[in-house]
Amino acid sequence: MSESPTSVELEPLEQLHVAMIERVANDELELPLLPHVATEVLNLTSDPDADMTRLATLIQQDQAIASQVLKISNSAAYAPRSPIVSMQQAVSWLGMKMLGELALTVSIGSGVFRVKGYETEIGSLWRHALASGLFAKEIARLGRSNVECAFLCGLLHTIGKPVVLQAILEVQESMDLTFAWSDFVRILDVHHVQVGSLVVEKWKLPSHVKEAILYYGDYTQAPKLSSVAMATCLADRLASRFLGLDGEDAVELESLPVVEALNLYPEDMEALYGQGETVLQAVEAIVV
């Protein structure tokens, strides 16, 4: 009997790649649950009849999230006139949509973007996701489209990456091999889109979130014109630029086809650049 090609013919990194394909195909990935508070916040903020008191009460049910939300609310990024000491004050100052957004973000960050032993690397992915979500909001404002939808798409467009990382660490251990982070990045880039789409399906999020995940890398491949994929594409590039992650891929963002596709003018791009420091300030307020 001949040995399997995985064990004989393939290089170790290719073995890892094949193992990930098999896990996805066989439904063997452990997909995270959407944190309870995030679920409730999404339901509440999408209810036109919901009131601020219900949101404050919901957030207070999880003291860790409530404490973090209050801390962020008091940061320079959100510039309160006086110290915010209660959730009711936070709602009054930030408004229901903004407070819900913060609670959702903190909940997802603490529940999904966590991989033991890779805190620094995951922290970088989380900063990029946050910055993408915030830039997506600004792009949506310029295009007069749904800001909350854009933020969610930007925030979650790489949600598959921590899930893939956890899976390949398990595969690595079973193979008794050790890979460098640069090897992991190659696997994350290949598999995160498919895995991310599975995550948001499990979470029963709106279809536009899955659409953004699937097509932000090449929005021209979407079955129909996808404004969310285009906005997420540009938000992703803006986040990389302001976080210093462009590397050798750095280009003048104004020259990207997606800018024209979104019907953005030079003054619109200037406005987006002008939001860069504010976005970074908000990211650090949330992460720290």
Protein backbone atom coordinates (compact mmCIF):
# COMPACT_ATOMS: atom_id res chain seq x y z
CA MET A 1 0.00 0.00 0.00
CA SER A 2 1.40 3.39 -0.97
CA GLU A 3 1.73 6.15 1.58
CA SER A 4 -0.63 9.11 1.39
CA PRO A 5 0.57 12.06 -0.71
CA THR A 6 0.10 14.30 2.30
CA SER A 7 2.78 12.49 4.26
CA VAL A 8 5.23 11.85 1.38
CA GLU A 9 4.90 14.32 -1.47
CA LEU A 10 3.86 17.57 0.16
CA GLU A 11 6.03 20.13 1.90
CA PRO A 12 5.07 20.81 5.55
CA LEU A 13 3.34 24.12 4.75
CA GLU A 14 1.35 22.47 1.98
CA GLN A 15 0.36 19.74 4.43
CA LEU A 16 -0.97 22.45 6.71
CA HIS A 17 -2.89 24.00 3.83
CA VAL A 18 -4.41 20.64 2.85
CA ALA A 19 -5.34 19.91 6.46
CA MET A 20 -7.24 23.22 6.61
CA ILE A 21 -9.08 22.41 3.37
CA GLU A 22 -10.10 19.06 4.82
CA ARG A 23 -11.28 20.58 8.09
CA VAL A 24 -13.48 23.08 6.27
CA ALA A 25 -14.82 20.48 3.83
CA ASN A 26 -15.60 18.02 6.64
CA ASP A 27 -17.21 20.67 8.86
CA GLU A 28 -14.59 20.05 11.52
CA LEU A 29 -13.82 23.67 12.37
CA GLU A 30 -14.79 24.89 15.81
CA LEU A 31 -16.62 28.09 14.95
CA PRO A 32 -17.03 30.60 17.79
CA LEU A 33 -20.40 31.57 19.18
CA LEU A 34 -21.50 35.17 18.87
CA PRO A 35 -21.13 36.47 22.45
CA HIS A 36 -24.47 36.80 24.24
CA VAL A 37 -24.18 40.54 24.81
CA ALA A 38 -23.31 41.09 21.14
CA THR A 39 -26.39 39.11 20.09
CA GLU A 40 -28.67 41.10 22.36
CA VAL A 41 -27.13 44.44 21.39
CA LEU A 42 -27.65 43.69 17.68
CA ASN A 43 -31.27 42.76 18.32
CA LEU A 44 -31.90 45.81 20.46
CA THR A 45 -30.24 48.42 18.27
CA SER A 46 -32.08 47.13 15.20
CA ASP A 47 -35.44 47.52 17.00
CA PRO A 48 -36.92 50.95 16.20
CA ASP A 49 -39.04 50.78 19.35
CA ALA A 50 -36.16 50.00 21.72
CA ASP A 51 -35.22 52.65 24.27
CA MET A 52 -31.93 53.70 25.81
CA THR A 53 -32.77 52.34 29.24
CA ARG A 54 -33.05 48.79 27.90
CA LEU A 55 -29.63 49.09 26.26
CA ALA A 56 -28.01 50.40 29.44
CA THR A 57 -29.57 47.59 31.47
CA LEU A 58 -28.39 44.98 28.96
CA ILE A 59 -24.78 46.17 29.00
CA GLN A 60 -24.74 46.30 32.79
CA GLN A 61 -25.54 42.58 32.92
CA ASP A 62 -21.91 41.89 31.96
CA GLN A 63 -19.72 43.84 34.35
CA ALA A 64 -16.52 43.28 32.37
CA ILE A 65 -18.06 44.71 29.21
CA ALA A 66 -19.80 47.52 31.13
CA SER A 67 -16.51 48.52 32.77
CA GLN A 68 -14.69 48.56 29.45
CA VAL A 69 -17.45 50.54 27.74
CA LEU A 70 -17.37 53.17 30.50
CA LYS A 71 -13.60 53.38 30.24
CA ILE A 72 -13.79 53.93 26.48
CA SER A 73 -16.60 56.47 26.90
CA ASN A 74 -14.31 58.51 29.16
CA SER A 75 -11.37 58.45 26.73
CA ALA A 76 -10.20 61.44 24.73
CA ALA A 77 -11.51 59.71 21.60
CA TYR A 78 -15.08 60.34 22.76
CA ALA A 79 -14.39 63.63 24.56
CA PRO A 80 -17.01 63.71 27.34
CA ARG A 81 -17.67 67.13 28.84
CA SER A 82 -17.44 65.63 32.33
CA PRO A 83 -16.55 62.17 33.69
CA ILE A 84 -19.08 59.46 32.75
CA VAL A 85 -19.73 57.26 35.77
CA SER A 86 -22.91 55.40 34.78
CA MET A 87 -24.27 53.58 31.76
CA GLN A 88 -27.21 56.00 31.66
CA GLN A 89 -24.74 58.89 31.31
CA ALA A 90 -22.89 56.99 28.58
CA VAL A 91 -26.12 56.50 26.63
CA SER A 92 -26.99 60.18 26.97
CA TRP A 93 -23.57 61.31 25.80
CA LEU A 94 -22.87 58.80 23.04
CA GLY A 95 -26.37 57.97 21.89
CA MET A 96 -27.92 54.54 21.52
CA LYS A 97 -26.25 53.61 18.21
CA MET A 98 -22.74 54.58 19.30
CA LEU A 99 -23.04 52.91 22.70
CA GLY A 100 -24.43 49.76 21.11
CA GLU A 101 -21.53 49.79 18.67
CA LEU A 102 -19.02 50.01 21.52
CA ALA A 103 -20.68 47.20 23.47
CA LEU A 104 -20.78 45.00 20.38
CA THR A 105 -17.12 45.73 19.63
CA VAL A 106 -15.91 45.01 23.15
CA SER A 107 -17.94 41.81 23.28
CA ILE A 108 -16.55 40.47 19.99
CA GLY A 109 -13.01 41.55 20.77
CA SER A 110 -12.95 39.79 24.11
CA GLY A 111 -14.80 36.72 22.84
CA VAL A 112 -13.25 36.00 19.42
CA PHE A 113 -9.99 37.90 18.92
CA ARG A 114 -8.15 35.87 21.53
CA VAL A 115 -5.59 33.14 20.77
CA LYS A 116 -3.28 32.08 23.60
CA GLY A 117 0.37 32.57 22.83
CA TYR A 118 -0.32 34.94 19.92
CA GLU A 119 -1.58 37.98 21.79
CA THR A 120 0.64 40.43 19.89
CA GLU A 121 -0.26 39.08 16.46
CA ILE A 122 -3.97 38.87 17.22
CA GLY A 123 -3.81 42.34 18.75
CA SER A 124 -2.53 43.65 15.42
CA LEU A 125 -5.36 41.88 13.55
CA TRP A 126 -7.88 43.33 16.00
CA ARG A 127 -6.55 46.87 15.57
CA HIS A 128 -6.84 46.48 11.82
CA ALA A 129 -10.41 45.18 12.11
CA LEU A 130 -11.38 48.11 14.34
CA ALA A 131 -9.77 50.68 12.07
CA SER A 132 -11.46 49.09 9.05
CA GLY A 133 -14.84 49.32 10.75
CA LEU A 134 -14.33 52.96 11.67
CA PHE A 135 -13.09 53.93 8.21
CA ALA A 136 -16.01 52.06 6.66
CA LYS A 137 -18.35 54.29 8.68
CA GLU A 138 -16.70 57.38 7.27
CA ILE A 139 -16.94 56.03 3.72
CA ALA A 140 -20.63 55.29 4.30
CA ARG A 141 -21.22 58.83 5.53
CA LEU A 142 -19.67 60.22 2.37
CA GLY A 143 -21.88 57.96 0.27
CA ARG A 144 -24.95 58.64 2.42
CA SER A 145 -25.41 54.92 3.07
CA ASN A 146 -26.06 52.91 6.23
CA VAL A 147 -23.29 53.72 8.71
CA GLU A 148 -24.06 50.90 11.15
CA CYS A 149 -24.07 48.33 8.34
CA ALA A 150 -20.73 49.63 7.03
CA PHE A 151 -19.12 49.47 10.48
CA LEU A 152 -20.19 45.86 11.01
CA CYS A 153 -18.86 44.84 7.59
CA GLY A 154 -15.52 46.51 8.21
CA LEU A 155 -15.20 45.18 11.74
CA LEU A 156 -15.92 41.58 10.75
CA HIS A 157 -14.32 41.32 7.31
CA THR A 158 -11.37 39.36 8.73
CA ILE A 159 -13.26 37.57 11.53
CA GLY A 160 -12.12 34.28 9.99
CA LYS A 161 -8.46 34.94 10.78
CA PRO A 162 -8.44 34.18 14.53
CA VAL A 163 -10.61 31.13 13.85
CA VAL A 164 -8.19 29.85 11.20
CA LEU A 165 -5.22 30.56 13.47
CA GLN A 166 -6.73 28.48 16.28
CA ALA A 167 -7.37 25.64 13.85
CA ILE A 168 -3.89 25.61 12.32
CA LEU A 169 -2.30 25.65 15.76
CA GLU A 170 -4.21 22.46 16.51
CA VAL A 171 -3.12 20.96 13.17
CA GLN A 172 0.48 22.00 13.81
CA GLU A 173 0.47 20.22 17.14
CA SER A 174 -1.00 17.06 15.61
CA MET A 175 1.66 17.13 12.85
CA ASP A 176 4.44 17.65 15.42
CA LEU A 177 5.85 20.52 13.35
CA THR A 178 6.63 24.14 14.07
CA PHE A 179 5.85 26.95 11.65
CA ALA A 180 6.88 30.60 11.64
CA TRP A 181 4.28 33.37 11.90
CA SER A 182 4.99 34.29 8.27
CA ASP A 183 3.86 30.77 7.29
CA PHE A 184 0.69 31.18 9.32
CA VAL A 185 -0.04 34.50 7.59
CA ARG A 186 -0.01 32.76 4.22
CA ILE A 187 -2.53 30.20 5.47
CA LEU A 188 -4.71 32.90 7.07
CA ASP A 189 -4.78 34.87 3.83
CA VAL A 190 -5.90 31.81 1.87
CA HIS A 191 -8.61 30.53 4.20
CA HIS A 192 -9.99 33.41 6.25
CA VAL A 193 -12.60 34.53 3.71
CA GLN A 194 -14.36 31.17 3.51
CA VAL A 195 -14.11 30.60 7.25
CA GLY A 196 -15.30 34.12 8.02
CA SER A 197 -18.36 33.61 5.85
CA LEU A 198 -19.12 30.42 7.81
CA VAL A 199 -18.81 32.32 11.09
CA VAL A 200 -21.31 35.05 10.14
CA GLU A 201 -23.68 32.42 8.75
CA LYS A 202 -23.59 30.68 12.12
CA TRP A 203 -24.18 34.01 13.84
CA LYS A 204 -27.16 34.67 11.55
CA LEU A 205 -25.92 38.14 10.68
CA PRO A 206 -27.40 40.09 7.76
CA SER A 207 -26.40 38.85 4.30
CA HIS A 208 -24.48 42.04 3.50
CA VAL A 209 -21.87 41.13 6.14
CA LYS A 210 -21.15 37.83 4.41
CA GLU A 211 -21.11 39.66 1.07
CA ALA A 212 -18.46 42.07 2.35
CA ILE A 213 -16.31 39.21 3.66
CA LEU A 214 -16.52 37.21 0.45
CA TYR A 215 -15.82 40.03 -1.98
CA TYR A 216 -13.88 42.82 -0.25
CA GLY A 217 -10.65 41.39 -1.70
CA ASP A 218 -12.02 41.59 -5.25
CA TYR A 219 -15.39 43.30 -5.37
CA THR A 220 -15.53 42.84 -9.15
CA GLN A 221 -16.23 39.14 -8.55
CA ALA A 222 -19.46 39.84 -6.65
CA PRO A 223 -22.58 38.53 -8.49
CA LYS A 224 -23.97 42.06 -8.46
CA LEU A 225 -22.57 45.51 -7.77
CA SER A 226 -21.69 45.41 -4.08
CA SER A 227 -21.34 48.75 -2.35
CA VAL A 228 -20.57 47.05 0.97
CA ALA A 229 -17.72 45.04 -0.57
CA MET A 230 -16.32 48.18 -2.21
CA ALA A 231 -16.54 50.23 0.98
CA THR A 232 -14.94 47.41 2.97
CA CYS A 233 -12.19 47.10 0.37
CA LEU A 234 -11.25 50.76 0.69
CA ALA A 235 -11.65 50.72 4.48
CA ASP A 236 -9.27 47.76 4.66
CA ARG A 237 -6.66 49.66 2.63
CA LEU A 238 -7.08 52.84 4.67
CA ALA A 239 -6.67 50.86 7.90
CA SER A 240 -3.49 49.25 6.58
CA ARG A 241 -2.13 52.65 5.54
CA PHE A 242 -2.73 54.39 8.86
CA LEU A 243 -1.55 51.43 10.93
CA GLY A 244 1.65 51.22 8.91
CA LEU A 245 0.89 47.77 7.52
CA ASP A 246 1.16 48.58 3.81
CA GLY A 247 4.75 47.39 3.42
CA GLU A 248 5.73 46.77 -0.18
CA ASP A 249 2.08 47.00 -1.25
CA ALA A 250 1.93 50.74 -0.54
CA VAL A 251 0.28 52.67 -3.38
CA GLU A 252 -1.44 55.99 -3.72
CA LEU A 253 -4.91 55.11 -2.50
CA GLU A 254 -6.46 57.75 -4.73
CA SER A 255 -5.37 55.68 -7.73
CA LEU A 256 -7.20 52.54 -6.63
CA PRO A 257 -10.10 51.57 -8.93
CA VAL A 258 -12.35 51.21 -5.89
CA VAL A 259 -12.16 54.97 -5.27
CA GLU A 260 -13.70 55.65 -8.67
CA ALA A 261 -16.14 52.77 -8.23
CA LEU A 262 -17.40 54.40 -5.03
CA ASN A 263 -17.68 57.73 -6.87
CA LEU A 264 -15.33 59.42 -4.42
CA TYR A 265 -13.69 62.71 -5.36
CA PRO A 266 -10.26 64.05 -4.28
CA GLU A 267 -11.90 66.11 -1.55
CA ASP A 268 -13.63 62.96 -0.28
CA MET A 269 -10.29 61.17 -0.01
CA GLU A 270 -8.84 64.17 1.78
CA ALA A 271 -11.72 63.99 4.23
CA LEU A 272 -11.00 60.29 4.83
CA TYR A 273 -7.31 60.99 5.38
CA GLY A 274 -8.32 63.75 7.75
CA GLN A 275 -10.16 61.19 9.87
CA GLY A 276 -7.07 59.01 10.20
CA GLU A 277 -5.80 60.28 13.55
CA THR A 278 -9.31 60.23 15.01
CA VAL A 279 -9.72 56.61 13.90
CA LEU A 280 -6.37 55.63 15.44
CA GLN A 281 -7.27 57.40 18.66
CA ALA A 282 -10.56 55.49 18.84
CA VAL A 283 -8.81 52.19 18.09
CA GLU A 284 -6.34 52.66 20.92
CA ALA A 285 -9.13 53.70 23.30
CA ILE A 286 -10.93 50.43 22.56
CA VAL A 287 -7.88 48.15 22.56
CA VAL A 288 -6.13 49.44 25.68
